Amino acid sequence: MSEILTLNMDSEVVKFASTFSKKINKPISRIVEDYFIELKKKNSDDLPLPQNLQELHGIFEGIDTPNKKELRKMFHEKHGD
């Protein structure tokens, strides 16, 4: 879903953006969106996990976990469903 975003920029930057946009045949809004998509990709791995997730990280490492059917069977046996 697209939303409208208003940007305030220096007039020289706007002129450059307009010229650059025409040169590469891409709307300024798409250039800005692509930039933020790339920025998000680069920074998503750098963001620290919340404390509660850090505590859980790796707790199943080295442990054989049951598959989905086994988990369902265990659940129904425990809860009598």
PDB file of N, CA and C in Angstrom:
ATOM      1  N   MET A   1       0.842  -1.176   0.000  1.00  0.00           N
ATOM      2  CA  MET A   1       0.000   0.000   0.000  1.00  0.00           C
ATOM      3  C   MET A   1       0.889   1.241   0.000  1.00  0.00           C
ATOM      4  N   SER A   2       0.626   2.122  -0.894  1.00  0.00           N
ATOM      5  CA  SER A   2       1.404   3.356  -0.987  1.00  0.00           C
ATOM      6  C   SER A   2       0.801   4.439  -0.111  1.00  0.00           C
ATOM      7  N   GLU A   3       1.673   5.260   0.430  1.00  0.00           N
ATOM      8  CA  GLU A   3       1.249   6.407   1.217  1.00  0.00           C
ATOM      9  C   GLU A   3       1.972   7.642   0.693  1.00  0.00           C
ATOM     10  N   ILE A   4       1.445   8.773   1.000  1.00  0.00           N
ATOM     11  CA  ILE A   4       2.046  10.031   0.580  1.00  0.00           C
ATOM     12  C   ILE A   4       2.997  10.509   1.664  1.00  0.00           C
ATOM     13  N   LEU A   5       4.195  10.926   1.237  1.00  0.00           N
ATOM     14  CA  LEU A   5       5.200  11.456   2.139  1.00  0.00           C
ATOM     15  C   LEU A   5       5.667  12.789   1.576  1.00  0.00           C
ATOM     16  N   THR A   6       5.650  13.814   2.386  1.00  0.00           N
ATOM     17  CA  THR A   6       6.120  15.129   1.969  1.00  0.00           C
ATOM     18  C   THR A   6       7.519  15.335   2.506  1.00  0.00           C
ATOM     19  N   LEU A   7       8.443  15.721   1.630  1.00  0.00           N
ATOM     20  CA  LEU A   7       9.821  15.977   2.032  1.00  0.00           C
ATOM     21  C   LEU A   7      10.135  17.451   1.859  1.00  0.00           C
ATOM     22  N   ASN A   8      10.843  18.012   2.815  1.00  0.00           N
ATOM     23  CA  ASN A   8      11.353  19.374   2.696  1.00  0.00           C
ATOM     24  C   ASN A   8      12.844  19.279   2.453  1.00  0.00           C
ATOM     25  N   MET A   9      13.288  19.816   1.312  1.00  0.00           N
ATOM     26  CA  MET A   9      14.706  19.754   0.964  1.00  0.00           C
ATOM     27  C   MET A   9      15.159  21.094   0.401  1.00  0.00           C
ATOM     28  N   ASP A  10      16.450  21.286   0.470  1.00  0.00           N
ATOM     29  CA  ASP A  10      17.073  22.455  -0.121  1.00  0.00           C
ATOM     30  C   ASP A  10      16.728  22.517  -1.613  1.00  0.00           C
ATOM     31  N   SER A  11      16.496  23.699  -2.134  1.00  0.00           N
ATOM     32  CA  SER A  11      16.082  23.848  -3.531  1.00  0.00           C
ATOM     33  C   SER A  11      17.110  23.284  -4.510  1.00  0.00           C
ATOM     34  N   GLU A  12      18.388  23.390  -4.178  1.00  0.00           N
ATOM     35  CA  GLU A  12      19.428  22.829  -5.054  1.00  0.00           C
ATOM     36  C   GLU A  12      19.350  21.302  -5.088  1.00  0.00           C
ATOM     37  N   VAL A  13      19.030  20.697  -3.961  1.00  0.00           N
ATOM     38  CA  VAL A  13      18.879  19.244  -3.905  1.00  0.00           C
ATOM     39  C   VAL A  13      17.664  18.829  -4.729  1.00  0.00           C
ATOM     40  N   VAL A  14      16.592  19.590  -4.651  1.00  0.00           N
ATOM     41  CA  VAL A  14      15.389  19.298  -5.429  1.00  0.00           C
ATOM     42  C   VAL A  14      15.695  19.385  -6.923  1.00  0.00           C
ATOM     43  N   LYS A  15      16.440  20.402  -7.324  1.00  0.00           N
ATOM     44  CA  LYS A  15      16.820  20.536  -8.741  1.00  0.00           C
ATOM     45  C   LYS A  15      17.659  19.341  -9.191  1.00  0.00           C
ATOM     46  N   PHE A  16      18.624  18.970  -8.360  1.00  0.00           N
ATOM     47  CA  PHE A  16      19.457  17.818  -8.696  1.00  0.00           C
ATOM     48  C   PHE A  16      18.599  16.559  -8.795  1.00  0.00           C
ATOM     49  N   ALA A  17      17.716  16.347  -7.813  1.00  0.00           N
ATOM     50  CA  ALA A  17      16.865  15.164  -7.799  1.00  0.00           C
ATOM     51  C   ALA A  17      16.001  15.095  -9.055  1.00  0.00           C
ATOM     52  N   SER A  18      15.481  16.227  -9.454  1.00  0.00           N
ATOM     53  CA  SER A  18      14.642  16.279 -10.644  1.00  0.00           C
ATOM     54  C   SER A  18      15.444  15.926 -11.900  1.00  0.00           C
ATOM     55  N   THR A  19      16.621  16.510 -12.026  1.00  0.00           N
ATOM     56  CA  THR A  19      17.490  16.226 -13.177  1.00  0.00           C
ATOM     57  C   THR A  19      17.912  14.757 -13.177  1.00  0.00           C
ATOM     58  N   PHE A  20      18.326  14.270 -12.039  1.00  0.00           N
ATOM     59  CA  PHE A  20      18.767  12.880 -11.920  1.00  0.00           C
ATOM     60  C   PHE A  20      17.613  11.927 -12.241  1.00  0.00           C
ATOM     61  N   SER A  21      16.438  12.242 -11.744  1.00  0.00           N
ATOM     62  CA  SER A  21      15.254  11.432 -11.973  1.00  0.00           C
ATOM     63  C   SER A  21      14.958  11.301 -13.470  1.00  0.00           C
ATOM     64  N   LYS A  22      15.027  12.405 -14.168  1.00  0.00           N
ATOM     65  CA  LYS A  22      14.792  12.391 -15.622  1.00  0.00           C
ATOM     66  C   LYS A  22      15.877  11.604 -16.337  1.00  0.00           C
ATOM     67  N   LYS A  23      17.096  11.757 -15.878  1.00  0.00           N
ATOM     68  CA  LYS A  23      18.240  11.091 -16.516  1.00  0.00           C
ATOM     69  C   LYS A  23      18.117   9.564 -16.430  1.00  0.00           C
ATOM     70  N   ILE A  24      17.674   9.046 -15.283  1.00  0.00           N
ATOM     71  CA  ILE A  24      17.576   7.593 -15.127  1.00  0.00           C
ATOM     72  C   ILE A  24      16.146   7.090 -15.362  1.00  0.00           C
ATOM     73  N   ASN A  25      15.258   7.997 -15.706  1.00  0.00           N
ATOM     74  CA  ASN A  25      13.863   7.655 -16.027  1.00  0.00           C
ATOM     75  C   ASN A  25      13.176   6.913 -14.874  1.00  0.00           C
ATOM     76  N   LYS A  26      13.326   7.491 -13.694  1.00  0.00           N
ATOM     77  CA  LYS A  26      12.707   6.905 -12.502  1.00  0.00           C
ATOM     78  C   LYS A  26      12.184   8.050 -11.641  1.00  0.00           C
ATOM     79  N   PRO A  27      10.945   7.946 -11.141  1.00  0.00           N
ATOM     80  CA  PRO A  27      10.404   9.024 -10.298  1.00  0.00           C
ATOM     81  C   PRO A  27      11.228   9.213  -9.020  1.00  0.00           C
ATOM     82  N   ILE A  28      11.265  10.437  -8.567  1.00  0.00           N
ATOM     83  CA  ILE A  28      12.010  10.758  -7.346  1.00  0.00           C
ATOM     84  C   ILE A  28      11.505   9.911  -6.183  1.00  0.00           C
ATOM     85  N   SER A  29      10.211   9.725  -6.101  1.00  0.00           N
ATOM     86  CA  SER A  29       9.657   8.930  -5.003  1.00  0.00           C
ATOM     87  C   SER A  29      10.199   7.501  -5.030  1.00  0.00           C
ATOM     88  N   ARG A  30      10.381   6.938  -6.213  1.00  0.00           N
ATOM     89  CA  ARG A  30      10.919   5.572  -6.311  1.00  0.00           C
ATOM     90  C   ARG A  30      12.398   5.539  -5.920  1.00  0.00           C
ATOM     91  N   ILE A  31      13.131   6.577  -6.284  1.00  0.00           N
ATOM     92  CA  ILE A  31      14.551   6.664  -5.904  1.00  0.00           C
ATOM     93  C   ILE A  31      14.675   6.693  -4.387  1.00  0.00           C
ATOM     94  N   VAL A  32      13.854   7.513  -3.753  1.00  0.00           N
ATOM     95  CA  VAL A  32      13.880   7.634  -2.291  1.00  0.00           C
ATOM     96  C   VAL A  32      13.449   6.310  -1.651  1.00  0.00           C
ATOM     97  N   GLU A  33      12.398   5.696  -2.185  1.00  0.00           N
ATOM     98  CA  GLU A  33      11.919   4.418  -1.647  1.00  0.00           C
ATOM     99  C   GLU A  33      12.997   3.342  -1.778  1.00  0.00           C
ATOM    100  N   ASP A  34      13.638   3.254  -2.942  1.00  0.00           N
ATOM    101  CA  ASP A  34      14.710   2.269  -3.150  1.00  0.00           C
ATOM    102  C   ASP A  34      15.853   2.481  -2.167  1.00  0.00           C
ATOM    103  N   TYR A  35      16.167   3.747  -1.915  1.00  0.00           N
ATOM    104  CA  TYR A  35      17.237   4.059  -0.970  1.00  0.00           C
ATOM    105  C   TYR A  35      16.897   3.522   0.427  1.00  0.00           C
ATOM    106  N   PHE A  36      15.672   3.769   0.868  1.00  0.00           N
ATOM    107  CA  PHE A  36      15.282   3.315   2.200  1.00  0.00           C
ATOM    108  C   PHE A  36      15.161   1.798   2.278  1.00  0.00           C
ATOM    109  N   ILE A  37      14.762   1.161   1.197  1.00  0.00           N
ATOM    110  CA  ILE A  37      14.719  -0.302   1.172  1.00  0.00           C
ATOM    111  C   ILE A  37      16.122  -0.860   1.365  1.00  0.00           C
ATOM    112  N   GLU A  38      17.094  -0.315   0.657  1.00  0.00           N
ATOM    113  CA  GLU A  38      18.487  -0.759   0.797  1.00  0.00           C
ATOM    114  C   GLU A  38      19.021  -0.467   2.193  1.00  0.00           C
ATOM    115  N   LEU A  39      18.696   0.696   2.715  1.00  0.00           N
ATOM    116  CA  LEU A  39      19.130   1.066   4.061  1.00  0.00           C
ATOM    117  C   LEU A  39      18.563   0.094   5.089  1.00  0.00           C
ATOM    118  N   LYS A  40      17.307  -0.268   4.912  1.00  0.00           N
ATOM    119  CA  LYS A  40      16.658  -1.217   5.824  1.00  0.00           C
ATOM    120  C   LYS A  40      17.345  -2.573   5.755  1.00  0.00           C
ATOM    121  N   LYS A  41      17.672  -3.040   4.546  1.00  0.00           N
ATOM    122  CA  LYS A  41      18.362  -4.323   4.387  1.00  0.00           C
ATOM    123  C   LYS A  41      19.713  -4.315   5.091  1.00  0.00           C
ATOM    124  N   LYS A  42      20.458  -3.249   4.919  1.00  0.00           N
ATOM    125  CA  LYS A  42      21.792  -3.157   5.509  1.00  0.00           C
ATOM    126  C   LYS A  42      21.741  -3.078   7.025  1.00  0.00           C
ATOM    127  N   ASN A  43      20.750  -2.409   7.563  1.00  0.00           N
ATOM    128  CA  ASN A  43      20.692  -2.170   9.005  1.00  0.00           C
ATOM    129  C   ASN A  43      19.910  -3.216   9.774  1.00  0.00           C
ATOM    130  N   SER A  44      19.151  -4.056   9.097  1.00  0.00           N
ATOM    131  CA  SER A  44      18.326  -5.017   9.830  1.00  0.00           C
ATOM    132  C   SER A  44      19.176  -6.017  10.600  1.00  0.00           C
ATOM    133  N   ASP A  45      20.347  -6.379  10.080  1.00  0.00           N
ATOM    134  CA  ASP A  45      21.219  -7.313  10.782  1.00  0.00           C
ATOM    135  C   ASP A  45      21.990  -6.644  11.913  1.00  0.00           C
ATOM    136  N   ASP A  46      22.099  -5.341  11.854  1.00  0.00           N
ATOM    137  CA  ASP A  46      22.870  -4.611  12.854  1.00  0.00           C
ATOM    138  C   ASP A  46      22.055  -4.249  14.097  1.00  0.00           C
ATOM    139  N   LEU A  47      20.735  -4.359  13.983  1.00  0.00           N
ATOM    140  CA  LEU A  47      19.896  -3.967  15.107  1.00  0.00           C
ATOM    141  C   LEU A  47      19.985  -5.022  16.207  1.00  0.00           C
ATOM    142  N   PRO A  48      20.154  -4.612  17.439  1.00  0.00           N
ATOM    143  CA  PRO A  48      20.237  -5.587  18.533  1.00  0.00           C
ATOM    144  C   PRO A  48      18.881  -6.237  18.780  1.00  0.00           C
ATOM    145  N   LEU A  49      18.908  -7.501  19.167  1.00  0.00           N
ATOM    146  CA  LEU A  49      17.674  -8.189  19.536  1.00  0.00           C
ATOM    147  C   LEU A  49      17.194  -7.672  20.882  1.00  0.00           C
ATOM    148  N   PRO A  50      15.879  -7.623  21.077  1.00  0.00           N
ATOM    149  CA  PRO A  50      15.366  -7.264  22.397  1.00  0.00           C
ATOM    150  C   PRO A  50      15.880  -8.268  23.442  1.00  0.00           C
ATOM    151  N   GLN A  51      15.995  -7.844  24.680  1.00  0.00           N
ATOM    152  CA  GLN A  51      16.568  -8.659  25.749  1.00  0.00           C
ATOM    153  C   GLN A  51      15.900 -10.026  25.858  1.00  0.00           C
ATOM    154  N   ASN A  52      14.559 -10.063  25.786  1.00  0.00           N
ATOM    155  CA  ASN A  52      13.872 -11.348  25.934  1.00  0.00           C
ATOM    156  C   ASN A  52      14.214 -12.309  24.797  1.00  0.00           C
ATOM    157  N   LEU A  53      14.467 -11.789  23.593  1.00  0.00           N
ATOM    158  CA  LEU A  53      14.876 -12.656  22.492  1.00  0.00           C
ATOM    159  C   LEU A  53      16.335 -13.064  22.622  1.00  0.00           C
ATOM    160  N   GLN A  54      17.168 -12.187  23.137  1.00  0.00           N
ATOM    161  CA  GLN A  54      18.572 -12.539  23.340  1.00  0.00           C
ATOM    162  C   GLN A  54      18.682 -13.719  24.300  1.00  0.00           C
ATOM    163  N   GLU A  55      17.823 -13.745  25.315  1.00  0.00           N
ATOM    164  CA  GLU A  55      17.840 -14.838  26.290  1.00  0.00           C
ATOM    165  C   GLU A  55      17.419 -16.158  25.660  1.00  0.00           C
ATOM    166  N   LEU A  56      16.539 -16.106  24.663  1.00  0.00           N
ATOM    167  CA  LEU A  56      16.058 -17.317  24.012  1.00  0.00           C
ATOM    168  C   LEU A  56      16.958 -17.785  22.870  1.00  0.00           C
ATOM    169  N   HIS A  57      17.748 -16.881  22.350  1.00  0.00           N
ATOM    170  CA  HIS A  57      18.578 -17.186  21.185  1.00  0.00           C
ATOM    171  C   HIS A  57      19.491 -18.383  21.458  1.00  0.00           C
ATOM    172  N   GLY A  58      19.345 -19.421  20.623  1.00  0.00           N
ATOM    173  CA  GLY A  58      20.225 -20.575  20.705  1.00  0.00           C
ATOM    174  C   GLY A  58      19.840 -21.644  21.710  1.00  0.00           C
ATOM    175  N   ILE A  59      18.693 -21.518  22.378  1.00  0.00           N
ATOM    176  CA  ILE A  59      18.370 -22.500  23.420  1.00  0.00           C
ATOM    177  C   ILE A  59      18.098 -23.889  22.854  1.00  0.00           C
ATOM    178  N   PHE A  60      17.729 -23.986  21.585  1.00  0.00           N
ATOM    179  CA  PHE A  60      17.471 -25.295  20.985  1.00  0.00           C
ATOM    180  C   PHE A  60      18.673 -25.833  20.217  1.00  0.00           C
ATOM    181  N   GLU A  61      19.750 -25.120  20.253  1.00  0.00           N
ATOM    182  CA  GLU A  61      20.934 -25.538  19.524  1.00  0.00           C
ATOM    183  C   GLU A  61      21.430 -26.879  20.062  1.00  0.00           C
ATOM    184  N   GLY A  62      21.637 -27.834  19.152  1.00  0.00           N
ATOM    185  CA  GLY A  62      22.136 -29.150  19.540  1.00  0.00           C
ATOM    186  C   GLY A  62      21.086 -30.089  20.093  1.00  0.00           C
ATOM    187  N   ILE A  63      19.835 -29.663  20.103  1.00  0.00           N
ATOM    188  CA  ILE A  63      18.749 -30.493  20.619  1.00  0.00           C
ATOM    189  C   ILE A  63      17.883 -30.928  19.438  1.00  0.00           C
ATOM    190  N   ASP A  64      17.573 -32.227  19.378  1.00  0.00           N
ATOM    191  CA  ASP A  64      16.656 -32.694  18.353  1.00  0.00           C
ATOM    192  C   ASP A  64      15.251 -32.256  18.724  1.00  0.00           C
ATOM    193  N   THR A  65      14.621 -31.512  17.843  1.00  0.00           N
ATOM    194  CA  THR A  65      13.263 -31.064  18.112  1.00  0.00           C
ATOM    195  C   THR A  65      12.292 -31.934  17.321  1.00  0.00           C
ATOM    196  N   PRO A  66      11.149 -32.248  17.899  1.00  0.00           N
ATOM    197  CA  PRO A  66      10.176 -33.095  17.207  1.00  0.00           C
ATOM    198  C   PRO A  66       9.572 -32.358  16.013  1.00  0.00           C
ATOM    199  N   ASN A  67       9.121 -33.135  15.032  1.00  0.00           N
ATOM    200  CA  ASN A  67       8.470 -32.490  13.893  1.00  0.00           C
ATOM    201  C   ASN A  67       7.043 -32.099  14.267  1.00  0.00           C
ATOM    202  N   LYS A  68       6.361 -31.454  13.332  1.00  0.00           N
ATOM    203  CA  LYS A  68       5.033 -30.906  13.597  1.00  0.00           C
ATOM    204  C   LYS A  68       4.040 -31.997  14.013  1.00  0.00           C
ATOM    205  N   LYS A  69       4.050 -33.146  13.339  1.00  0.00           N
ATOM    206  CA  LYS A  69       3.112 -34.220  13.679  1.00  0.00           C
ATOM    207  C   LYS A  69       3.355 -34.734  15.098  1.00  0.00           C
ATOM    208  N   GLU A  70       4.627 -34.882  15.472  1.00  0.00           N
ATOM    209  CA  GLU A  70       4.948 -35.346  16.823  1.00  0.00           C
ATOM    210  C   GLU A  70       4.499 -34.337  17.872  1.00  0.00           C
ATOM    211  N   LEU A  71       4.681 -33.053  17.583  1.00  0.00           N
ATOM    212  CA  LEU A  71       4.249 -32.014  18.522  1.00  0.00           C
ATOM    213  C   LEU A  71       2.740 -32.036  18.702  1.00  0.00           C
ATOM    214  N   ARG A  72       2.000 -32.188  17.603  1.00  0.00           N
ATOM    215  CA  ARG A  72       0.537 -32.249  17.704  1.00  0.00           C
ATOM    216  C   ARG A  72       0.106 -33.449  18.547  1.00  0.00           C
ATOM    217  N   LYS A  73       0.729 -34.608  18.290  1.00  0.00           N
ATOM    218  CA  LYS A  73       0.404 -35.814  19.041  1.00  0.00           C
ATOM    219  C   LYS A  73       0.652 -35.599  20.526  1.00  0.00           C
ATOM    220  N   MET A  74       1.797 -35.012  20.861  1.00  0.00           N
ATOM    221  CA  MET A  74       2.135 -34.751  22.261  1.00  0.00           C
ATOM    222  C   MET A  74       1.121 -33.804  22.887  1.00  0.00           C
ATOM    223  N   PHE A  75       0.722 -32.769  22.154  1.00  0.00           N
ATOM    224  CA  PHE A  75      -0.244 -31.802  22.653  1.00  0.00           C
ATOM    225  C   PHE A  75      -1.573 -32.476  22.958  1.00  0.00           C
ATOM    226  N   HIS A  76      -2.060 -33.286  21.990  1.00  0.00           N
ATOM    227  CA  HIS A  76      -3.374 -33.924  22.161  1.00  0.00           C
ATOM    228  C   HIS A  76      -3.338 -34.970  23.277  1.00  0.00           C
ATOM    229  N   GLU A  77      -2.214 -35.636  23.441  1.00  0.00           N
ATOM    230  CA  GLU A  77      -2.094 -36.596  24.530  1.00  0.00           C
ATOM    231  C   GLU A  77      -2.137 -35.894  25.880  1.00  0.00           C
ATOM    232  N   LYS A  78      -1.495 -34.748  25.934  1.00  0.00           N
ATOM    233  CA  LYS A  78      -1.429 -33.991  27.203  1.00  0.00           C
ATOM    234  C   LYS A  78      -2.770 -33.358  27.547  1.00  0.00           C
ATOM    235  N   HIS A  79      -3.464 -32.844  26.533  1.00  0.00           N
ATOM    236  CA  HIS A  79      -4.697 -32.085  26.777  1.00  0.00           C
ATOM    237  C   HIS A  79      -5.952 -32.889  26.516  1.00  0.00           C
ATOM    238  N   GLY A  80      -5.805 -34.156  26.095  1.00  0.00           N
ATOM    239  CA  GLY A  80      -6.968 -35.022  25.909  1.00  0.00           C
ATOM    240  C   GLY A  80      -7.881 -34.627  24.788  1.00  0.00           C
ATOM    241  N   ASP A  81      -7.377 -33.917  23.792  1.00  0.00           N
ATOM    242  CA  ASP A  81      -8.226 -33.510  22.654  1.00  0.00           C
ATOM    243  C   ASP A  81      -8.300 -34.589  21.606  1.00  0.00           C
TER     244      ASP A  81
END
